[in-house]
Amino acid sequence: MSWLSKLSGRGKSTAASASNAKERPADPPTIRIDSHEYVPEEFVLGSFRIRPYDGDLIAKQQFDFRILFRLGEEHSDFACRDVVVKMDEQAGLVARFHQPPPVHTRKLI
């Protein structure tokens, strides 16, 4: 097998691709804020929405939180820094966070 085909992924077995599919998180990650865990209503890489949210955060406030998720049998969690975009009764908590380190970003994707 040539060096180029190894880089482009040609010649990989279907067993390898099936194992990669199993390594993706099946459930959305859990967000831990101040020792409370929430399952986000919406989650995309870089932002999330939690509704209902009963904490004490306000709009434009920065805060630290943890993202927790499971990849197969492995539990992963890491810290992130966030800023509240919107916080009200109807929208819930809408927040935008900085990209996590590349190792964790690849696991989330």
PDB file of N, CA and C in Angstrom:
ATOM      1  N   MET A   1       0.849  -1.166   0.000  1.00  0.00           N
ATOM      2  CA  MET A   1       0.000   0.000   0.000  1.00  0.00           C
ATOM      3  C   MET A   1       0.898   1.233   0.000  1.00  0.00           C
ATOM      4  N   SER A   2       0.580   2.209  -0.846  1.00  0.00           N
ATOM      5  CA  SER A   2       1.424   3.391  -0.975  1.00  0.00           C
ATOM      6  C   SER A   2       1.206   4.350   0.188  1.00  0.00           C
ATOM      7  N   TRP A   3       2.139   5.236   0.354  1.00  0.00           N
ATOM      8  CA  TRP A   3       2.080   6.243   1.415  1.00  0.00           C
ATOM      9  C   TRP A   3       0.870   7.156   1.216  1.00  0.00           C
ATOM     10  N   LEU A   4       0.579   7.531  -0.029  1.00  0.00           N
ATOM     11  CA  LEU A   4      -0.542   8.406  -0.341  1.00  0.00           C
ATOM     12  C   LEU A   4      -1.874   7.731  -0.030  1.00  0.00           C
ATOM     13  N   SER A   5      -1.983   6.450  -0.353  1.00  0.00           N
ATOM     14  CA  SER A   5      -3.245   5.753  -0.069  1.00  0.00           C
ATOM     15  C   SER A   5      -3.460   5.588   1.424  1.00  0.00           C
ATOM     16  N   LYS A   6      -2.365   5.481   2.182  1.00  0.00           N
ATOM     17  CA  LYS A   6      -2.504   5.411   3.637  1.00  0.00           C
ATOM     18  C   LYS A   6      -3.036   6.726   4.190  1.00  0.00           C
ATOM     19  N   LEU A   7      -2.549   7.839   3.662  1.00  0.00           N
ATOM     20  CA  LEU A   7      -3.007   9.147   4.132  1.00  0.00           C
ATOM     21  C   LEU A   7      -4.439   9.433   3.711  1.00  0.00           C
ATOM     22  N   SER A   8      -4.798   9.026   2.511  1.00  0.00           N
ATOM     23  CA  SER A   8      -6.146   9.326   2.028  1.00  0.00           C
ATOM     24  C   SER A   8      -7.191   8.376   2.581  1.00  0.00           C
ATOM     25  N   GLY A   9      -6.758   7.296   3.216  1.00  0.00           N
ATOM     26  CA  GLY A   9      -7.696   6.386   3.832  1.00  0.00           C
ATOM     27  C   GLY A   9      -8.133   5.245   2.956  1.00  0.00           C
ATOM     28  N   ARG A  10      -7.586   5.150   1.745  1.00  0.00           N
ATOM     29  CA  ARG A  10      -7.946   4.026   0.883  1.00  0.00           C
ATOM     30  C   ARG A  10      -7.413   2.742   1.471  1.00  0.00           C
ATOM     31  N   GLY A  11      -8.148   1.692   1.297  1.00  0.00           N
ATOM     32  CA  GLY A  11      -7.696   0.391   1.753  1.00  0.00           C
ATOM     33  C   GLY A  11      -8.023   0.102   3.206  1.00  0.00           C
ATOM     34  N   LYS A  12      -8.759   1.012   3.860  1.00  0.00           N
ATOM     35  CA  LYS A  12      -9.153   0.734   5.238  1.00  0.00           C
ATOM     36  C   LYS A  12     -10.263  -0.301   5.235  1.00  0.00           C
ATOM     37  N   SER A  13     -10.247  -1.128   6.214  1.00  0.00           N
ATOM     38  CA  SER A  13     -11.284  -2.155   6.278  1.00  0.00           C
ATOM     39  C   SER A  13     -12.578  -1.553   6.800  1.00  0.00           C
ATOM     40  N   THR A  14     -13.687  -2.230   6.523  1.00  0.00           N
ATOM     41  CA  THR A  14     -14.975  -1.763   7.027  1.00  0.00           C
ATOM     42  C   THR A  14     -15.071  -1.976   8.521  1.00  0.00           C
ATOM     43  N   ALA A  15     -14.309  -2.890   9.070  1.00  0.00           N
ATOM     44  CA  ALA A  15     -14.303  -3.088  10.525  1.00  0.00           C
ATOM     45  C   ALA A  15     -13.746  -1.858  11.213  1.00  0.00           C
ATOM     46  N   ALA A  16     -12.747  -1.216  10.633  1.00  0.00           N
ATOM     47  CA  ALA A  16     -12.183  -0.003  11.219  1.00  0.00           C
ATOM     48  C   ALA A  16     -13.192   1.132  11.193  1.00  0.00           C
ATOM     49  N   SER A  17     -13.931   1.256  10.085  1.00  0.00           N
ATOM     50  CA  SER A  17     -14.926   2.316  10.014  1.00  0.00           C
ATOM     51  C   SER A  17     -16.104   2.029  10.932  1.00  0.00           C
ATOM     52  N   ALA A  18     -16.442   0.780  11.135  1.00  0.00           N
ATOM     53  CA  ALA A  18     -17.521   0.432  12.063  1.00  0.00           C
ATOM     54  C   ALA A  18     -17.113   0.743  13.490  1.00  0.00           C
ATOM     55  N   SER A  19     -15.848   0.523  13.838  1.00  0.00           N
ATOM     56  CA  SER A  19     -15.412   0.838  15.200  1.00  0.00           C
ATOM     57  C   SER A  19     -15.374   2.340  15.423  1.00  0.00           C
ATOM     58  N   ASN A  20     -15.073   3.140  14.371  1.00  0.00           N
ATOM     59  CA  ASN A  20     -15.100   4.587  14.506  1.00  0.00           C
ATOM     60  C   ASN A  20     -16.521   5.079  14.758  1.00  0.00           C
ATOM     61  N   ALA A  21     -17.506   4.445  14.135  1.00  0.00           N
ATOM     62  CA  ALA A  21     -18.889   4.838  14.347  1.00  0.00           C
ATOM     63  C   ALA A  21     -19.315   4.575  15.780  1.00  0.00           C
ATOM     64  N   LYS A  22     -18.785   3.544  16.396  1.00  0.00           N
ATOM     65  CA  LYS A  22     -19.122   3.229  17.779  1.00  0.00           C
ATOM     66  C   LYS A  22     -18.495   4.208  18.754  1.00  0.00           C
ATOM     67  N   GLU A  23     -17.425   4.905  18.347  1.00  0.00           N
ATOM     68  CA  GLU A  23     -16.718   5.792  19.238  1.00  0.00           C
ATOM     69  C   GLU A  23     -17.355   7.165  19.362  1.00  0.00           C
ATOM     70  N   ARG A  24     -18.418   7.432  18.634  1.00  0.00           N
ATOM     71  CA  ARG A  24     -19.083   8.725  18.723  1.00  0.00           C
ATOM     72  C   ARG A  24     -20.052   8.729  19.893  1.00  0.00           C
ATOM     73  N   PRO A  25     -20.187   9.882  20.562  1.00  0.00           N
ATOM     74  CA  PRO A  25     -21.157   9.954  21.659  1.00  0.00           C
ATOM     75  C   PRO A  25     -22.571   9.736  21.125  1.00  0.00           C
ATOM     76  N   ALA A  26     -23.326   8.858  21.761  1.00  0.00           N
ATOM     77  CA  ALA A  26     -24.686   8.574  21.324  1.00  0.00           C
ATOM     78  C   ALA A  26     -25.667   9.609  21.880  1.00  0.00           C
ATOM     79  N   ASP A  27     -25.401  10.104  23.067  1.00  0.00           N
ATOM     80  CA  ASP A  27     -26.276  11.071  23.729  1.00  0.00           C
ATOM     81  C   ASP A  27     -25.615  12.440  23.732  1.00  0.00           C
ATOM     82  N   PRO A  28     -26.417  13.503  23.843  1.00  0.00           N
ATOM     83  CA  PRO A  28     -25.792  14.825  23.939  1.00  0.00           C
ATOM     84  C   PRO A  28     -24.990  14.919  25.239  1.00  0.00           C
ATOM     85  N   PRO A  29     -23.985  15.757  25.252  1.00  0.00           N
ATOM     86  CA  PRO A  29     -23.191  15.891  26.471  1.00  0.00           C
ATOM     87  C   PRO A  29     -24.007  16.526  27.584  1.00  0.00           C
ATOM     88  N   THR A  30     -23.556  16.326  28.795  1.00  0.00           N
ATOM     89  CA  THR A  30     -24.165  16.941  29.967  1.00  0.00           C
ATOM     90  C   THR A  30     -23.328  18.154  30.340  1.00  0.00           C
ATOM     91  N   ILE A  31     -23.977  19.230  30.751  1.00  0.00           N
ATOM     92  CA  ILE A  31     -23.302  20.455  31.153  1.00  0.00           C
ATOM     93  C   ILE A  31     -23.379  20.557  32.679  1.00  0.00           C
ATOM     94  N   ARG A  32     -22.224  20.706  33.328  1.00  0.00           N
ATOM     95  CA  ARG A  32     -22.200  20.868  34.785  1.00  0.00           C
ATOM     96  C   ARG A  32     -21.829  22.309  35.109  1.00  0.00           C
ATOM     97  N   ILE A  33     -22.769  23.005  35.755  1.00  0.00           N
ATOM     98  CA  ILE A  33     -22.573  24.387  36.188  1.00  0.00           C
ATOM     99  C   ILE A  33     -22.811  24.429  37.687  1.00  0.00           C
ATOM    100  N   ASP A  34     -21.819  24.843  38.444  1.00  0.00           N
ATOM    101  CA  ASP A  34     -21.937  24.959  39.905  1.00  0.00           C
ATOM    102  C   ASP A  34     -22.497  23.691  40.545  1.00  0.00           C
ATOM    103  N   SER A  35     -21.941  22.570  40.237  1.00  0.00           N
ATOM    104  CA  SER A  35     -22.298  21.244  40.764  1.00  0.00           C
ATOM    105  C   SER A  35     -23.719  20.785  40.395  1.00  0.00           C
ATOM    106  N   HIS A  36     -24.382  21.483  39.480  1.00  0.00           N
ATOM    107  CA  HIS A  36     -25.677  21.048  38.952  1.00  0.00           C
ATOM    108  C   HIS A  36     -25.469  20.568  37.523  1.00  0.00           C
ATOM    109  N   GLU A  37     -26.087  19.447  37.176  1.00  0.00           N
ATOM    110  CA  GLU A  37     -25.941  18.902  35.824  1.00  0.00           C
ATOM    111  C   GLU A  37     -27.216  19.138  35.030  1.00  0.00           C
ATOM    112  N   TYR A  38     -27.034  19.570  33.778  1.00  0.00           N
ATOM    113  CA  TYR A  38     -28.141  19.862  32.875  1.00  0.00           C
ATOM    114  C   TYR A  38     -27.910  19.142  31.555  1.00  0.00           C
ATOM    115  N   VAL A  39     -28.988  18.659  30.963  1.00  0.00           N
ATOM    116  CA  VAL A  39     -28.934  18.120  29.603  1.00  0.00           C
ATOM    117  C   VAL A  39     -29.404  19.254  28.699  1.00  0.00           C
ATOM    118  N   PRO A  40     -28.538  19.728  27.806  1.00  0.00           N
ATOM    119  CA  PRO A  40     -28.919  20.874  26.981  1.00  0.00           C
ATOM    120  C   PRO A  40     -30.025  20.522  25.993  1.00  0.00           C
ATOM    121  N   GLU A  41     -30.937  21.461  25.801  1.00  0.00           N
ATOM    122  CA  GLU A  41     -31.991  21.295  24.811  1.00  0.00           C
ATOM    123  C   GLU A  41     -31.397  21.361  23.404  1.00  0.00           C
ATOM    124  N   GLU A  42     -30.430  22.253  23.211  1.00  0.00           N
ATOM    125  CA  GLU A  42     -29.708  22.383  21.946  1.00  0.00           C
ATOM    126  C   GLU A  42     -28.220  22.412  22.271  1.00  0.00           C
ATOM    127  N   PHE A  43     -27.424  21.715  21.461  1.00  0.00           N
ATOM    128  CA  PHE A  43     -25.977  21.726  21.654  1.00  0.00           C
ATOM    129  C   PHE A  43     -25.297  21.644  20.299  1.00  0.00           C
ATOM    130  N   VAL A  44     -24.493  22.646  19.997  1.00  0.00           N
ATOM    131  CA  VAL A  44     -23.619  22.631  18.835  1.00  0.00           C
ATOM    132  C   VAL A  44     -22.247  23.035  19.338  1.00  0.00           C
ATOM    133  N   LEU A  45     -21.234  22.673  18.613  1.00  0.00           N
ATOM    134  CA  LEU A  45     -19.884  22.985  19.047  1.00  0.00           C
ATOM    135  C   LEU A  45     -19.712  24.501  19.104  1.00  0.00           C
ATOM    136  N   GLY A  46     -19.623  25.033  20.288  1.00  0.00           N
ATOM    137  CA  GLY A  46     -19.464  26.470  20.484  1.00  0.00           C
ATOM    138  C   GLY A  46     -20.605  27.127  21.218  1.00  0.00           C
ATOM    139  N   SER A  47     -21.760  26.461  21.330  1.00  0.00           N
ATOM    140  CA  SER A  47     -22.878  27.065  22.064  1.00  0.00           C
ATOM    141  C   SER A  47     -23.868  25.993  22.508  1.00  0.00           C
ATOM    142  N   PHE A  48     -24.699  26.365  23.474  1.00  0.00           N
ATOM    143  CA  PHE A  48     -25.753  25.468  23.934  1.00  0.00           C
ATOM    144  C   PHE A  48     -26.896  26.276  24.532  1.00  0.00           C
ATOM    145  N   ARG A  49     -28.047  25.606  24.667  1.00  0.00           N
ATOM    146  CA  ARG A  49     -29.234  26.189  25.311  1.00  0.00           C
ATOM    147  C   ARG A  49     -29.721  25.206  26.367  1.00  0.00           C
ATOM    148  N   ILE A  50     -29.960  25.731  27.564  1.00  0.00           N
ATOM    149  CA  ILE A  50     -30.538  24.932  28.645  1.00  0.00           C
ATOM    150  C   ILE A  50     -31.858  25.590  29.015  1.00  0.00           C
ATOM    151  N   ARG A  51     -32.915  24.791  28.925  1.00  0.00           N
ATOM    152  CA  ARG A  51     -34.223  25.311  29.281  1.00  0.00           C
ATOM    153  C   ARG A  51     -34.997  24.217  29.976  1.00  0.00           C
ATOM    154  N   PRO A  52     -35.511  24.395  31.118  1.00  0.00           N
ATOM    155  CA  PRO A  52     -35.452  25.573  31.997  1.00  0.00           C
ATOM    156  C   PRO A  52     -34.141  25.604  32.776  1.00  0.00           C
ATOM    157  N   TYR A  53     -33.695  26.790  33.105  1.00  0.00           N
ATOM    158  CA  TYR A  53     -32.481  26.989  33.900  1.00  0.00           C
ATOM    159  C   TYR A  53     -32.855  27.834  35.109  1.00  0.00           C
ATOM    160  N   ASP A  54     -32.505  27.367  36.289  1.00  0.00           N
ATOM    161  CA  ASP A  54     -32.898  28.070  37.507  1.00  0.00           C
ATOM    162  C   ASP A  54     -31.701  28.582  38.314  1.00  0.00           C
ATOM    163  N   GLY A  55     -30.572  28.777  37.656  1.00  0.00           N
ATOM    164  CA  GLY A  55     -29.377  29.262  38.345  1.00  0.00           C
ATOM    165  C   GLY A  55     -29.375  30.776  38.464  1.00  0.00           C
ATOM    166  N   ASP A  56     -28.222  31.317  38.872  1.00  0.00           N
ATOM    167  CA  ASP A  56     -28.124  32.746  39.129  1.00  0.00           C
ATOM    168  C   ASP A  56     -27.261  33.494  38.118  1.00  0.00           C
ATOM    169  N   LEU A  57     -27.089  32.960  36.914  1.00  0.00           N
ATOM    170  CA  LEU A  57     -26.306  33.641  35.887  1.00  0.00           C
ATOM    171  C   LEU A  57     -27.129  34.753  35.252  1.00  0.00           C
ATOM    172  N   ILE A  58     -26.422  35.779  34.756  1.00  0.00           N
ATOM    173  CA  ILE A  58     -27.084  36.898  34.087  1.00  0.00           C
ATOM    174  C   ILE A  58     -26.446  37.103  32.711  1.00  0.00           C
ATOM    175  N   ALA A  59     -27.112  37.857  31.845  1.00  0.00           N
ATOM    176  CA  ALA A  59     -26.611  38.101  30.493  1.00  0.00           C
ATOM    177  C   ALA A  59     -25.234  38.755  30.520  1.00  0.00           C
ATOM    178  N   LYS A  60     -24.374  38.331  29.609  1.00  0.00           N
ATOM    179  CA  LYS A  60     -23.004  38.815  29.415  1.00  0.00           C
ATOM    180  C   LYS A  60     -22.040  38.396  30.526  1.00  0.00           C
ATOM    181  N   GLN A  61     -22.481  37.566  31.435  1.00  0.00           N
ATOM    182  CA  GLN A  61     -21.602  37.079  32.491  1.00  0.00           C
ATOM    183  C   GLN A  61     -20.744  35.937  31.956  1.00  0.00           C
ATOM    184  N   GLN A  62     -19.474  35.910  32.337  1.00  0.00           N
ATOM    185  CA  GLN A  62     -18.603  34.801  31.987  1.00  0.00           C
ATOM    186  C   GLN A  62     -18.598  33.818  33.150  1.00  0.00           C
ATOM    187  N   PHE A  63     -18.517  32.526  32.816  1.00  0.00           N
ATOM    188  CA  PHE A  63     -18.506  31.507  33.861  1.00  0.00           C
ATOM    189  C   PHE A  63     -17.783  30.271  33.365  1.00  0.00           C
ATOM    190  N   ASP A  64     -17.363  29.448  34.294  1.00  0.00           N
ATOM    191  CA  ASP A  64     -16.707  28.182  33.984  1.00  0.00           C
ATOM    192  C   ASP A  64     -17.718  27.055  34.128  1.00  0.00           C
ATOM    193  N   PHE A  65     -17.591  26.048  33.288  1.00  0.00           N
ATOM    194  CA  PHE A  65     -18.465  24.875  33.367  1.00  0.00           C
ATOM    195  C   PHE A  65     -17.693  23.676  32.859  1.00  0.00           C
ATOM    196  N   ARG A  66     -18.277  22.518  32.986  1.00  0.00           N
ATOM    197  CA  ARG A  66     -17.668  21.282  32.499  1.00  0.00           C
ATOM    198  C   ARG A  66     -18.623  20.614  31.524  1.00  0.00           C
ATOM    199  N   ILE A  67     -18.060  20.032  30.470  1.00  0.00           N
ATOM    200  CA  ILE A  67     -18.821  19.227  29.520  1.00  0.00           C
ATOM    201  C   ILE A  67     -18.504  17.774  29.839  1.00  0.00           C
ATOM    202  N   LEU A  68     -19.534  16.970  30.049  1.00  0.00           N
ATOM    203  CA  LEU A  68     -19.371  15.556  30.353  1.00  0.00           C
ATOM    204  C   LEU A  68     -20.069  14.736  29.276  1.00  0.00           C
ATOM    205  N   PHE A  69     -19.398  13.707  28.784  1.00  0.00           N
ATOM    206  CA  PHE A  69     -20.016  12.815  27.815  1.00  0.00           C
ATOM    207  C   PHE A  69     -19.350  11.458  27.885  1.00  0.00           C
ATOM    208  N   ARG A  70     -19.982  10.497  27.250  1.00  0.00           N
ATOM    209  CA  ARG A  70     -19.480   9.127  27.268  1.00  0.00           C
ATOM    210  C   ARG A  70     -19.217   8.655  25.849  1.00  0.00           C
ATOM    211  N   LEU A  71     -18.036   8.097  25.641  1.00  0.00           N
ATOM    212  CA  LEU A  71     -17.645   7.491  24.370  1.00  0.00           C
ATOM    213  C   LEU A  71     -17.492   6.006  24.613  1.00  0.00           C
ATOM    214  N   GLY A  72     -18.476   5.231  24.267  1.00  0.00           N
ATOM    215  CA  GLY A  72     -18.423   3.797  24.560  1.00  0.00           C
ATOM    216  C   GLY A  72     -18.418   3.596  26.067  1.00  0.00           C
ATOM    217  N   GLU A  73     -17.375   2.995  26.587  1.00  0.00           N
ATOM    218  CA  GLU A  73     -17.239   2.783  28.024  1.00  0.00           C
ATOM    219  C   GLU A  73     -16.431   3.887  28.702  1.00  0.00           C
ATOM    220  N   GLU A  74     -15.827   4.753  27.906  1.00  0.00           N
ATOM    221  CA  GLU A  74     -14.971   5.815  28.443  1.00  0.00           C
ATOM    222  C   GLU A  74     -15.794   7.055  28.778  1.00  0.00           C
ATOM    223  N   HIS A  75     -15.633   7.569  29.997  1.00  0.00           N
ATOM    224  CA  HIS A  75     -16.280   8.810  30.407  1.00  0.00           C
ATOM    225  C   HIS A  75     -15.275   9.944  30.239  1.00  0.00           C
ATOM    226  N   SER A  76     -15.679  11.011  29.574  1.00  0.00           N
ATOM    227  CA  SER A  76     -14.810  12.156  29.353  1.00  0.00           C
ATOM    228  C   SER A  76     -15.467  13.398  29.921  1.00  0.00           C
ATOM    229  N   ASP A  77     -14.667  14.259  30.484  1.00  0.00           N
ATOM    230  CA  ASP A  77     -15.165  15.567  30.881  1.00  0.00           C
ATOM    231  C   ASP A  77     -14.001  16.547  30.857  1.00  0.00           C
ATOM    232  N   PHE A  78     -14.327  17.792  30.555  1.00  0.00           N
ATOM    233  CA  PHE A  78     -13.297  18.825  30.497  1.00  0.00           C
ATOM    234  C   PHE A  78     -13.922  20.174  30.797  1.00  0.00           C
ATOM    235  N   ALA A  79     -13.083  21.084  31.238  1.00  0.00           N
ATOM    236  CA  ALA A  79     -13.523  22.417  31.629  1.00  0.00           C
ATOM    237  C   ALA A  79     -13.548  23.346  30.420  1.00  0.00           C
ATOM    238  N   CYS A  80     -14.495  24.290  30.430  1.00  0.00           N
ATOM    239  CA  CYS A  80     -14.605  25.304  29.393  1.00  0.00           C
ATOM    240  C   CYS A  80     -14.945  26.647  30.032  1.00  0.00           C
ATOM    241  N   ARG A  81     -14.694  27.700  29.291  1.00  0.00           N
ATOM    242  CA  ARG A  81     -15.051  29.054  29.694  1.00  0.00           C
ATOM    243  C   ARG A  81     -16.181  29.502  28.789  1.00  0.00           C
ATOM    244  N   ASP A  82     -17.179  30.153  29.360  1.00  0.00           N
ATOM    245  CA  ASP A  82     -18.410  30.460  28.649  1.00  0.00           C
ATOM    246  C   ASP A  82     -18.833  31.892  28.910  1.00  0.00           C
ATOM    247  N   VAL A  83     -19.676  32.424  28.039  1.00  0.00           N
ATOM    248  CA  VAL A  83     -20.297  33.723  28.247  1.00  0.00           C
ATOM    249  C   VAL A  83     -21.797  33.568  27.956  1.00  0.00           C
ATOM    250  N   VAL A  84     -22.620  34.150  28.822  1.00  0.00           N
ATOM    251  CA  VAL A  84     -24.069  34.070  28.663  1.00  0.00           C
ATOM    252  C   VAL A  84     -24.492  35.030  27.560  1.00  0.00           C
ATOM    253  N   VAL A  85     -25.134  34.502  26.528  1.00  0.00           N
ATOM    254  CA  VAL A  85     -25.622  35.324  25.422  1.00  0.00           C
ATOM    255  C   VAL A  85     -27.000  35.862  25.775  1.00  0.00           C
ATOM    256  N   LYS A  86     -27.847  34.993  26.302  1.00  0.00           N
ATOM    257  CA  LYS A  86     -29.204  35.393  26.635  1.00  0.00           C
ATOM    258  C   LYS A  86     -29.667  34.585  27.834  1.00  0.00           C
ATOM    259  N   MET A  87     -30.366  35.234  28.725  1.00  0.00           N
ATOM    260  CA  MET A  87     -30.895  34.546  29.901  1.00  0.00           C
ATOM    261  C   MET A  87     -32.230  35.176  30.249  1.00  0.00           C
ATOM    262  N   ASP A  88     -33.303  34.460  29.982  1.00  0.00           N
ATOM    263  CA  ASP A  88     -34.626  34.904  30.399  1.00  0.00           C
ATOM    264  C   ASP A  88     -35.535  33.696  30.556  1.00  0.00           C
ATOM    265  N   GLU A  89     -36.735  33.943  31.004  1.00  0.00           N
ATOM    266  CA  GLU A  89     -37.687  32.871  31.297  1.00  0.00           C
ATOM    267  C   GLU A  89     -38.046  32.057  30.053  1.00  0.00           C
ATOM    268  N   GLN A  90     -38.248  32.728  28.933  1.00  0.00           N
ATOM    269  CA  GLN A  90     -38.689  32.047  27.720  1.00  0.00           C
ATOM    270  C   GLN A  90     -37.541  31.331  27.000  1.00  0.00           C
ATOM    271  N   ALA A  91     -36.390  31.985  26.863  1.00  0.00           N
ATOM    272  CA  ALA A  91     -35.269  31.396  26.117  1.00  0.00           C
ATOM    273  C   ALA A  91     -34.452  30.441  26.966  1.00  0.00           C
ATOM    274  N   GLY A  92     -34.500  30.563  28.268  1.00  0.00           N
ATOM    275  CA  GLY A  92     -33.650  29.768  29.136  1.00  0.00           C
ATOM    276  C   GLY A  92     -32.248  30.358  29.142  1.00  0.00           C
ATOM    277  N   LEU A  93     -31.254  29.524  29.314  1.00  0.00           N
ATOM    278  CA  LEU A  93     -29.856  29.952  29.287  1.00  0.00           C
ATOM    279  C   LEU A  93     -29.279  29.637  27.916  1.00  0.00           C
ATOM    280  N   VAL A  94     -28.877  30.661  27.196  1.00  0.00           N
ATOM    281  CA  VAL A  94     -28.205  30.490  25.912  1.00  0.00           C
ATOM    282  C   VAL A  94     -26.784  31.001  26.116  1.00  0.00           C
ATOM    283  N   ALA A  95     -25.803  30.133  25.860  1.00  0.00           N
ATOM    284  CA  ALA A  95     -24.421  30.499  26.129  1.00  0.00           C
ATOM    285  C   ALA A  95     -23.515  30.101  24.976  1.00  0.00           C
ATOM    286  N   ARG A  96     -22.431  30.841  24.838  1.00  0.00           N
ATOM    287  CA  ARG A  96     -21.426  30.582  23.810  1.00  0.00           C
ATOM    288  C   ARG A  96     -20.103  30.302  24.526  1.00  0.00           C
ATOM    289  N   PHE A  97     -19.422  29.236  24.125  1.00  0.00           N
ATOM    290  CA  PHE A  97     -18.164  28.912  24.777  1.00  0.00           C
ATOM    291  C   PHE A  97     -17.029  28.849  23.772  1.00  0.00           C
ATOM    292  N   HIS A  98     -15.822  29.030  24.299  1.00  0.00           N
ATOM    293  CA  HIS A  98     -14.620  28.958  23.475  1.00  0.00           C
ATOM    294  C   HIS A  98     -14.374  27.505  23.114  1.00  0.00           C
ATOM    295  N   GLN A  99     -13.754  27.285  21.989  1.00  0.00           N
ATOM    296  CA  GLN A  99     -13.475  25.924  21.537  1.00  0.00           C
ATOM    297  C   GLN A  99     -12.635  25.195  22.585  1.00  0.00           C
ATOM    298  N   PRO A 100     -13.019  23.977  22.916  1.00  0.00           N
ATOM    299  CA  PRO A 100     -12.200  23.182  23.832  1.00  0.00           C
ATOM    300  C   PRO A 100     -10.895  22.783  23.151  1.00  0.00           C
ATOM    301  N   PRO A 101      -9.959  22.239  23.903  1.00  0.00           N
ATOM    302  CA  PRO A 101      -8.712  21.777  23.285  1.00  0.00           C
ATOM    303  C   PRO A 101      -9.007  20.791  22.154  1.00  0.00           C
ATOM    304  N   PRO A 102      -8.109  20.734  21.143  1.00  0.00           N
ATOM    305  CA  PRO A 102      -8.357  19.880  19.974  1.00  0.00           C
ATOM    306  C   PRO A 102      -8.658  18.419  20.288  1.00  0.00           C
ATOM    307  N   VAL A 103      -8.041  17.873  21.313  1.00  0.00           N
ATOM    308  CA  VAL A 103      -8.301  16.460  21.673  1.00  0.00           C
ATOM    309  C   VAL A 103      -9.763  16.278  22.028  1.00  0.00           C
ATOM    310  N   HIS A 104     -10.331  17.185  22.801  1.00  0.00           N
ATOM    311  CA  HIS A 104     -11.726  17.069  23.209  1.00  0.00           C
ATOM    312  C   HIS A 104     -12.668  17.435  22.066  1.00  0.00           C
ATOM    313  N   THR A 105     -12.271  18.389  21.237  1.00  0.00           N
ATOM    314  CA  THR A 105     -13.095  18.756  20.095  1.00  0.00           C
ATOM    315  C   THR A 105     -13.290  17.580  19.163  1.00  0.00           C
ATOM    316  N   ARG A 106     -12.213  16.830  18.897  1.00  0.00           N
ATOM    317  CA  ARG A 106     -12.325  15.653  18.034  1.00  0.00           C
ATOM    318  C   ARG A 106     -13.258  14.612  18.629  1.00  0.00           C
ATOM    319  N   LYS A 107     -13.228  14.446  19.954  1.00  0.00           N
ATOM    320  CA  LYS A 107     -14.117  13.476  20.595  1.00  0.00           C
ATOM    321  C   LYS A 107     -15.568  13.906  20.469  1.00  0.00           C
ATOM    322  N   LEU A 108     -15.837  15.209  20.607  1.00  0.00           N
ATOM    323  CA  LEU A 108     -17.210  15.708  20.503  1.00  0.00           C
ATOM    324  C   LEU A 108     -17.749  15.600  19.093  1.00  0.00           C
ATOM    325  N   ILE A 109     -16.891  15.837  18.109  1.00  0.00           N
ATOM    326  CA  ILE A 109     -17.340  15.777  16.712  1.00  0.00           C
ATOM    327  C   ILE A 109     -17.594  14.333  16.344  1.00  0.00           C
TER     328      ILE A 109
END
